[in-house]
Amino acid sequence: DDGSDAPYEFDGVATCSTTPCGSPTGSIVVRGVTVQYDANTRFEDGLTTATLNGARVEVKAIAQSGSGGTTLLATRIELDD
């Protein structure tokens, strides 16, 4: 699964959230929406966790429920041309 069928899509400039970009897991904010990423998130177009901050991206995400409530988890993050 390449994550292209994820029900949520965001595009805009990524800003690193509470953990510094470059970590294997963390979160970014795109257009005011916080989206988490993890080891299963696909990064495309040469994008890496280290190059997320300030990049114009397109994010595909799914909702997941946990003890802290519902969060968004990126299935795919790619550069947005």
Protein backbone atom coordinates (compact mmCIF):
# COMPACT_ATOMS: atom_id res chain seq x y z
CA ASP A 1 0.00 0.00 0.00
CA ASP A 2 1.52 3.32 -1.04
CA GLY A 3 -0.72 5.45 1.17
CA SER A 4 -2.37 7.16 -1.79
CA ASP A 5 -5.87 6.12 -0.73
CA ALA A 6 -5.65 7.74 2.72
CA PRO A 7 -8.81 9.76 3.40
CA TYR A 8 -7.13 12.99 4.56
CA GLU A 9 -4.89 15.19 2.44
CA PHE A 10 -3.06 18.38 3.38
CA ASP A 11 -0.68 20.54 1.41
CA GLY A 12 1.41 23.48 2.46
CA VAL A 13 4.63 24.31 4.25
CA ALA A 14 5.62 21.82 6.95
CA THR A 15 6.74 23.10 10.33
CA CYS A 16 8.27 20.73 12.86
CA SER A 17 6.15 20.36 15.96
CA THR A 18 7.12 19.20 19.45
CA THR A 19 10.00 16.93 18.38
CA PRO A 20 12.76 18.14 16.09
CA CYS A 21 12.49 16.99 12.50
CA GLY A 22 15.03 14.30 11.81
CA SER A 23 13.66 11.96 14.47
CA PRO A 24 12.26 8.64 13.19
CA THR A 25 8.89 9.56 14.71
CA GLY A 26 7.40 12.95 15.33
CA SER A 27 4.88 15.42 14.04
CA ILE A 28 4.61 18.34 11.67
CA VAL A 29 2.09 21.12 11.32
CA VAL A 30 0.69 21.83 7.86
CA ARG A 31 -1.82 24.68 7.53
CA GLY A 32 -2.54 24.54 11.26
CA VAL A 33 -3.14 20.77 11.30
CA THR A 34 -0.81 18.54 13.32
CA VAL A 35 0.07 15.29 11.57
CA GLN A 36 2.24 12.59 13.10
CA TYR A 37 4.71 10.45 11.16
CA ASP A 38 6.40 7.19 12.08
CA ALA A 39 8.61 4.44 10.68
CA ASN A 40 5.78 3.29 8.38
CA THR A 41 5.29 6.72 6.75
CA ARG A 42 6.51 6.78 3.15
CA PHE A 43 8.69 9.74 2.25
CA GLU A 44 8.96 10.45 -1.47
CA ASP A 45 10.76 12.77 -3.91
CA GLY A 46 13.98 12.63 -1.86
CA LEU A 47 12.22 14.04 1.20
CA THR A 48 13.41 12.79 4.61
CA THR A 49 12.56 13.56 8.20
CA ALA A 50 15.66 15.77 8.28
CA THR A 51 14.42 17.91 5.36
CA LEU A 52 10.77 18.31 6.44
CA ASN A 53 10.97 21.67 8.22
CA GLY A 54 10.09 24.45 5.79
CA ALA A 55 9.42 22.11 2.85
CA ARG A 56 6.27 22.54 0.76
CA VAL A 57 4.63 19.13 1.12
CA GLU A 58 1.57 17.09 0.29
CA VAL A 59 0.54 14.78 3.14
CA LYS A 60 -1.82 11.81 2.96
CA ALA A 61 -3.06 10.74 6.40
CA ILE A 62 -5.41 8.46 8.29
CA ALA A 63 -7.20 9.05 11.58
CA GLN A 64 -6.26 6.83 14.49
CA SER A 65 -7.75 6.60 17.95
CA GLY A 66 -5.65 6.30 21.06
CA SER A 67 -5.61 7.14 24.74
CA GLY A 68 -5.05 10.81 23.89
CA GLY A 69 -7.97 10.95 21.46
CA THR A 70 -8.01 10.93 17.69
CA THR A 71 -4.85 11.92 15.85
CA LEU A 72 -3.79 12.03 12.23
CA LEU A 73 -0.98 9.74 11.07
CA ALA A 74 0.75 10.39 7.75
CA THR A 75 0.88 7.42 5.43
CA ARG A 76 2.78 9.35 2.76
CA ILE A 77 4.61 12.69 2.63
CA GLU A 78 5.94 14.05 -0.65
CA LEU A 79 7.15 17.34 -2.04
CA ASP A 80 4.36 19.49 -3.45
CA ASP A 81 5.32 21.17 -6.71
